[in-house]
């Protein structure tokens, strides 16, 4: 499965600007904003140490972007469907986890990391 994968890419359903970060944080606390990928990689204020350890264990780099700082080819592949996880291969980009599929992890970082490891092996 992973023979031609060069990297994995996650794109949050949030913006990277200071205003975007604050808006997301407040909206998430009030229950009006939600990003299932954010819940997998971040705690209340910072990146989860569990996520950092998991990402370092992957056999390929795993890059994370926001809607407003993603590479153009990634945005084109997603067609506005955030959050998502993609794989970049020698042939191009492919979405491997959609918003609905990320929701199923329910913020459980270890389950997400296990899914990625299983997918790569």
N, C-alpha and C. Protein backbone atom coordinates (compact mmCIF):
# COMPACT_ATOMS: atom_id res chain seq x y z
N UNK A 1 0.81 -1.20 0.00
CA UNK A 1 0.00 0.00 0.00
C UNK A 1 0.86 1.26 0.00
N UNK A 2 1.93 1.28 0.79
CA UNK A 2 2.67 2.52 0.99
C UNK A 2 3.90 2.64 0.11
N UNK A 3 4.05 1.77 -0.87
CA UNK A 3 5.29 1.75 -1.64
C UNK A 3 5.59 3.04 -2.39
N UNK A 4 4.57 3.78 -2.81
CA UNK A 4 4.84 5.01 -3.53
C UNK A 4 4.38 6.27 -2.79
N UNK A 5 4.06 6.15 -1.51
CA UNK A 5 3.68 7.32 -0.70
C UNK A 5 4.95 8.09 -0.34
N UNK A 6 4.88 9.40 -0.51
CA UNK A 6 6.01 10.24 -0.13
C UNK A 6 5.73 11.05 1.13
N UNK A 7 4.44 11.34 1.40
CA UNK A 7 4.07 12.08 2.61
C UNK A 7 2.59 11.98 2.86
N UNK A 8 2.21 12.27 4.11
CA UNK A 8 0.82 12.39 4.50
C UNK A 8 0.57 13.85 4.83
N UNK A 9 -0.66 14.30 4.59
CA UNK A 9 -1.00 15.70 4.79
C UNK A 9 -2.36 15.78 5.46
N UNK A 10 -2.43 16.51 6.55
CA UNK A 10 -3.70 16.78 7.21
C UNK A 10 -4.03 18.25 7.05
N UNK A 11 -5.30 18.55 6.80
CA UNK A 11 -5.74 19.94 6.67
C UNK A 11 -6.88 20.17 7.66
N UNK A 12 -6.65 21.12 8.55
CA UNK A 12 -7.64 21.49 9.55
C UNK A 12 -8.78 22.30 8.94
N UNK A 13 -9.93 22.22 9.56
CA UNK A 13 -11.06 23.07 9.21
C UNK A 13 -11.00 24.33 10.08
N UNK A 14 -9.89 25.06 9.91
CA UNK A 14 -9.63 26.28 10.68
C UNK A 14 -8.57 27.07 9.93
N UNK A 15 -8.44 28.35 10.27
CA UNK A 15 -7.45 29.21 9.63
C UNK A 15 -6.26 29.42 10.55
N UNK A 16 -5.09 29.68 9.95
CA UNK A 16 -3.84 29.79 10.70
C UNK A 16 -3.58 31.17 11.29
N UNK A 17 -4.27 32.18 10.83
CA UNK A 17 -4.02 33.53 11.33
C UNK A 17 -4.36 33.60 12.82
N UNK A 18 -3.86 34.61 13.49
CA UNK A 18 -4.17 34.78 14.91
C UNK A 18 -5.68 34.90 15.11
N UNK A 19 -6.33 35.68 14.27
CA UNK A 19 -7.78 35.82 14.35
C UNK A 19 -8.46 34.46 14.11
N UNK A 20 -7.95 33.72 13.13
CA UNK A 20 -8.52 32.41 12.85
C UNK A 20 -8.36 31.45 14.01
N UNK A 21 -7.19 31.45 14.63
CA UNK A 21 -6.93 30.57 15.78
C UNK A 21 -7.83 30.92 16.95
N UNK A 22 -7.93 32.21 17.25
CA UNK A 22 -8.77 32.66 18.37
C UNK A 22 -10.24 32.38 18.08
N UNK A 23 -10.67 32.66 16.85
CA UNK A 23 -12.07 32.40 16.48
C UNK A 23 -12.41 30.93 16.62
N UNK A 24 -11.48 30.07 16.16
CA UNK A 24 -11.74 28.63 16.28
C UNK A 24 -11.81 28.22 17.74
N UNK A 25 -10.85 28.68 18.55
CA UNK A 25 -10.79 28.28 19.95
C UNK A 25 -12.06 28.69 20.68
N UNK A 26 -12.49 29.93 20.50
CA UNK A 26 -13.71 30.41 21.16
C UNK A 26 -14.92 29.64 20.63
N UNK A 27 -15.00 29.49 19.31
CA UNK A 27 -16.12 28.77 18.72
C UNK A 27 -16.20 27.32 19.19
N UNK A 28 -15.06 26.68 19.34
CA UNK A 28 -15.04 25.29 19.81
C UNK A 28 -15.53 25.21 21.25
N UNK A 29 -15.14 26.16 22.08
CA UNK A 29 -15.58 26.16 23.48
C UNK A 29 -17.08 26.39 23.59
N UNK A 30 -17.62 27.19 22.65
CA UNK A 30 -19.05 27.49 22.68
C UNK A 30 -19.88 26.46 21.91
N UNK A 31 -19.20 25.51 21.27
CA UNK A 31 -19.91 24.46 20.54
C UNK A 31 -20.42 24.89 19.18
N UNK A 32 -19.89 25.98 18.61
CA UNK A 32 -20.35 26.43 17.30
C UNK A 32 -19.34 26.17 16.19
N UNK A 33 -18.13 25.75 16.58
CA UNK A 33 -17.07 25.42 15.62
C UNK A 33 -16.52 24.06 16.00
N UNK A 34 -16.20 23.27 14.98
CA UNK A 34 -15.69 21.93 15.28
C UNK A 34 -14.76 21.47 14.16
N UNK A 35 -13.63 20.89 14.54
CA UNK A 35 -12.71 20.29 13.58
C UNK A 35 -12.20 18.99 14.20
N UNK A 36 -12.61 17.88 13.64
CA UNK A 36 -12.23 16.58 14.20
C UNK A 36 -10.73 16.32 14.10
N UNK A 37 -10.05 16.88 13.10
CA UNK A 37 -8.60 16.72 13.02
C UNK A 37 -7.92 17.52 14.13
N UNK A 38 -8.42 18.71 14.42
CA UNK A 38 -7.88 19.51 15.53
C UNK A 38 -7.97 18.73 16.84
N UNK A 39 -9.09 18.07 17.06
CA UNK A 39 -9.28 17.29 18.30
C UNK A 39 -8.30 16.14 18.39
N UNK A 40 -7.86 15.61 17.26
CA UNK A 40 -6.92 14.49 17.26
C UNK A 40 -5.49 14.94 17.54
N UNK A 41 -5.15 16.15 17.15
CA UNK A 41 -3.76 16.60 17.26
C UNK A 41 -3.51 17.62 18.36
N UNK A 42 -4.56 18.27 18.85
CA UNK A 42 -4.38 19.34 19.83
C UNK A 42 -5.26 19.14 21.06
N UNK A 43 -4.72 19.59 22.18
CA UNK A 43 -5.48 19.66 23.41
C UNK A 43 -6.13 21.04 23.50
N UNK A 44 -6.36 21.49 24.70
CA UNK A 44 -7.04 22.76 24.91
C UNK A 44 -6.26 23.94 24.35
N UNK A 45 -4.93 23.94 24.54
CA UNK A 45 -4.12 25.07 24.09
C UNK A 45 -2.97 24.70 23.16
N UNK A 46 -2.46 23.50 23.25
CA UNK A 46 -1.26 23.14 22.50
C UNK A 46 -1.42 21.77 21.84
N UNK A 47 -0.42 21.45 21.00
CA UNK A 47 -0.39 20.14 20.36
C UNK A 47 -0.28 19.06 21.43
N UNK A 48 -1.01 17.97 21.24
CA UNK A 48 -0.96 16.84 22.17
C UNK A 48 0.40 16.15 22.09
N UNK A 49 1.00 15.87 23.23
CA UNK A 49 2.28 15.15 23.23
C UNK A 49 2.07 13.76 22.62
N UNK A 50 0.91 13.18 22.84
CA UNK A 50 0.60 11.87 22.26
C UNK A 50 0.65 11.95 20.73
N UNK A 51 0.14 13.05 20.16
CA UNK A 51 0.18 13.22 18.71
C UNK A 51 1.61 13.36 18.23
N UNK A 52 2.41 14.16 18.92
CA UNK A 52 3.81 14.37 18.52
C UNK A 52 4.55 13.04 18.48
N UNK A 53 4.36 12.22 19.49
CA UNK A 53 5.02 10.91 19.54
C UNK A 53 4.53 10.02 18.41
N UNK A 54 3.25 10.03 18.15
CA UNK A 54 2.69 9.21 17.08
C UNK A 54 3.23 9.64 15.73
N UNK A 55 3.20 10.94 15.47
CA UNK A 55 3.65 11.45 14.18
C UNK A 55 5.12 11.11 13.93
N UNK A 56 5.92 11.13 14.98
CA UNK A 56 7.33 10.79 14.84
C UNK A 56 7.54 9.31 14.54
N UNK A 57 6.56 8.49 14.87
CA UNK A 57 6.70 7.05 14.64
C UNK A 57 6.31 6.62 13.23
N UNK A 58 5.63 7.50 12.49
CA UNK A 58 5.21 7.15 11.14
C UNK A 58 6.42 7.02 10.22
N UNK A 59 6.28 6.18 9.21
CA UNK A 59 7.38 5.95 8.27
C UNK A 59 7.49 7.04 7.22
N UNK A 60 6.50 7.95 7.17
CA UNK A 60 6.49 9.06 6.22
C UNK A 60 6.23 10.34 6.98
N UNK A 61 6.72 11.46 6.45
CA UNK A 61 6.40 12.74 7.10
C UNK A 61 4.89 12.97 7.09
N UNK A 62 4.37 13.56 8.15
CA UNK A 62 2.95 13.90 8.25
C UNK A 62 2.89 15.40 8.48
N UNK A 63 2.49 16.14 7.45
CA UNK A 63 2.43 17.60 7.52
C UNK A 63 1.01 18.04 7.83
N UNK A 64 0.90 19.07 8.65
CA UNK A 64 -0.41 19.62 9.01
C UNK A 64 -0.50 21.06 8.52
N UNK A 65 -1.64 21.38 7.92
CA UNK A 65 -1.90 22.72 7.41
C UNK A 65 -3.28 23.17 7.86
N UNK A 66 -3.53 24.45 7.73
CA UNK A 66 -4.85 25.02 7.92
C UNK A 66 -5.44 25.31 6.54
N UNK A 67 -6.71 25.67 6.51
CA UNK A 67 -7.35 25.99 5.21
C UNK A 67 -6.59 27.07 4.47
N UNK A 68 -6.11 28.08 5.21
CA UNK A 68 -5.52 29.25 4.55
C UNK A 68 -4.01 29.17 4.35
N UNK A 69 -3.37 28.09 4.74
CA UNK A 69 -1.92 27.98 4.48
C UNK A 69 -1.54 26.67 3.79
N UNK A 70 -2.54 26.00 3.23
CA UNK A 70 -2.30 24.74 2.53
C UNK A 70 -1.74 24.99 1.14
N UNK A 71 -0.90 24.08 0.65
CA UNK A 71 -0.44 24.18 -0.74
C UNK A 71 -1.62 24.16 -1.71
N UNK A 72 -1.49 24.83 -2.82
CA UNK A 72 -2.58 24.93 -3.79
C UNK A 72 -3.05 23.57 -4.30
N UNK A 73 -2.12 22.65 -4.55
CA UNK A 73 -2.54 21.35 -5.06
C UNK A 73 -3.36 20.58 -4.02
N UNK A 74 -3.04 20.78 -2.75
CA UNK A 74 -3.81 20.14 -1.68
C UNK A 74 -5.22 20.72 -1.63
N UNK A 75 -5.33 22.04 -1.69
CA UNK A 75 -6.65 22.68 -1.70
C UNK A 75 -7.48 22.22 -2.89
N UNK A 76 -6.85 22.10 -4.04
CA UNK A 76 -7.57 21.63 -5.23
C UNK A 76 -8.06 20.20 -5.04
N UNK A 77 -7.25 19.35 -4.44
CA UNK A 77 -7.64 17.96 -4.22
C UNK A 77 -8.80 17.85 -3.22
N UNK A 78 -8.85 18.78 -2.26
CA UNK A 78 -9.90 18.73 -1.24
C UNK A 78 -11.20 19.38 -1.70
N UNK A 79 -11.13 20.30 -2.64
CA UNK A 79 -12.33 20.97 -3.17
C UNK A 79 -13.22 21.51 -2.05
N UNK A 80 -12.59 22.11 -1.03
CA UNK A 80 -13.36 22.75 0.05
C UNK A 80 -13.88 21.81 1.12
N UNK A 81 -13.53 20.56 1.09
CA UNK A 81 -13.99 19.58 2.08
C UNK A 81 -12.96 19.45 3.20
N UNK A 82 -13.19 20.16 4.29
CA UNK A 82 -12.27 20.16 5.44
C UNK A 82 -12.97 19.60 6.66
N UNK A 83 -12.26 19.01 7.59
CA UNK A 83 -10.87 18.58 7.56
C UNK A 83 -10.73 17.29 6.75
N UNK A 84 -9.48 16.95 6.48
CA UNK A 84 -9.21 15.72 5.73
C UNK A 84 -7.74 15.36 5.88
N UNK A 85 -7.45 14.10 5.55
CA UNK A 85 -6.06 13.63 5.49
C UNK A 85 -5.86 13.07 4.10
N UNK A 86 -4.72 13.44 3.50
CA UNK A 86 -4.38 13.00 2.16
C UNK A 86 -3.03 12.29 2.17
N UNK A 87 -2.81 11.53 1.14
CA UNK A 87 -1.49 10.97 0.90
C UNK A 87 -0.97 11.57 -0.40
N UNK A 88 0.31 11.89 -0.41
CA UNK A 88 0.95 12.30 -1.66
C UNK A 88 1.77 11.11 -2.11
N UNK A 89 1.56 10.71 -3.35
CA UNK A 89 2.30 9.60 -3.93
C UNK A 89 3.05 10.11 -5.15
N UNK A 90 3.78 9.23 -5.77
CA UNK A 90 4.47 9.59 -7.00
C UNK A 90 3.48 9.91 -8.12
N UNK A 91 2.23 9.49 -7.97
CA UNK A 91 1.19 9.77 -8.96
C UNK A 91 0.38 11.02 -8.65
N UNK A 92 0.43 11.52 -7.43
CA UNK A 92 -0.37 12.70 -7.06
C UNK A 92 -0.95 12.59 -5.68
N UNK A 93 -2.05 13.32 -5.46
CA UNK A 93 -2.70 13.37 -4.15
C UNK A 93 -3.98 12.54 -4.14
N UNK A 94 -4.26 11.95 -2.97
CA UNK A 94 -5.48 11.17 -2.79
C UNK A 94 -5.96 11.37 -1.36
N UNK A 95 -7.23 11.68 -1.18
CA UNK A 95 -7.83 11.79 0.14
C UNK A 95 -7.96 10.39 0.72
N UNK A 96 -7.43 10.20 1.94
CA UNK A 96 -7.55 8.88 2.59
C UNK A 96 -8.49 8.91 3.80
N UNK A 97 -8.73 10.10 4.37
CA UNK A 97 -9.70 10.22 5.46
C UNK A 97 -10.50 11.51 5.26
N UNK A 98 -11.80 11.37 5.14
CA UNK A 98 -12.68 12.52 4.98
C UNK A 98 -13.13 13.03 6.35
N UNK A 99 -13.85 14.12 6.32
CA UNK A 99 -14.40 14.70 7.55
C UNK A 99 -15.21 13.65 8.33
N UNK A 100 -16.06 12.94 7.64
CA UNK A 100 -16.91 11.94 8.30
C UNK A 100 -16.08 10.82 8.91
N UNK A 101 -15.05 10.40 8.21
CA UNK A 101 -14.20 9.33 8.73
C UNK A 101 -13.38 9.80 9.92
N UNK A 102 -12.91 11.05 9.89
CA UNK A 102 -12.17 11.60 11.03
C UNK A 102 -13.06 11.73 12.26
N UNK A 103 -14.33 12.02 12.06
CA UNK A 103 -15.29 12.12 13.17
C UNK A 103 -15.36 10.81 13.96
N UNK A 104 -15.22 9.70 13.29
CA UNK A 104 -15.36 8.39 13.94
C UNK A 104 -14.30 8.14 15.01
N UNK A 105 -13.17 8.85 14.93
CA UNK A 105 -12.12 8.68 15.95
C UNK A 105 -12.50 9.37 17.25
N UNK A 106 -13.45 10.29 17.20
CA UNK A 106 -13.97 10.97 18.39
C UNK A 106 -12.85 11.52 19.28
N UNK A 107 -11.82 12.11 18.64
CA UNK A 107 -10.73 12.72 19.40
C UNK A 107 -9.70 11.76 19.97
N UNK A 108 -9.84 10.48 19.69
CA UNK A 108 -8.91 9.47 20.23
C UNK A 108 -7.66 9.39 19.35
N UNK A 109 -6.63 10.09 19.78
CA UNK A 109 -5.39 10.18 19.02
C UNK A 109 -4.76 8.82 18.78
N UNK A 110 -4.77 7.97 19.77
CA UNK A 110 -4.12 6.66 19.62
C UNK A 110 -4.84 5.82 18.56
N UNK A 111 -6.17 5.91 18.49
CA UNK A 111 -6.92 5.17 17.47
C UNK A 111 -6.59 5.70 16.07
N UNK A 112 -6.49 7.02 15.96
CA UNK A 112 -6.12 7.65 14.70
C UNK A 112 -4.72 7.21 14.26
N UNK A 113 -3.78 7.26 15.18
CA UNK A 113 -2.40 6.86 14.87
C UNK A 113 -2.34 5.39 14.48
N UNK A 114 -3.12 4.55 15.15
CA UNK A 114 -3.15 3.13 14.80
C UNK A 114 -3.71 2.93 13.40
N UNK A 115 -4.76 3.69 13.05
CA UNK A 115 -5.33 3.59 11.71
C UNK A 115 -4.28 3.96 10.67
N UNK A 116 -3.56 5.06 10.91
CA UNK A 116 -2.51 5.49 9.97
C UNK A 116 -1.46 4.41 9.84
N UNK A 117 -0.98 3.88 10.96
CA UNK A 117 0.05 2.83 10.90
C UNK A 117 -0.45 1.60 10.15
N UNK A 118 -1.68 1.19 10.41
CA UNK A 118 -2.26 0.05 9.69
C UNK A 118 -2.34 0.35 8.19
N UNK A 119 -2.74 1.56 7.86
CA UNK A 119 -2.87 1.95 6.45
C UNK A 119 -1.51 1.91 5.75
N UNK A 120 -0.48 2.34 6.45
CA UNK A 120 0.85 2.40 5.86
C UNK A 120 1.52 1.03 5.74
N UNK A 121 1.05 0.06 6.49
CA UNK A 121 1.68 -1.27 6.48
C UNK A 121 0.88 -2.32 5.76
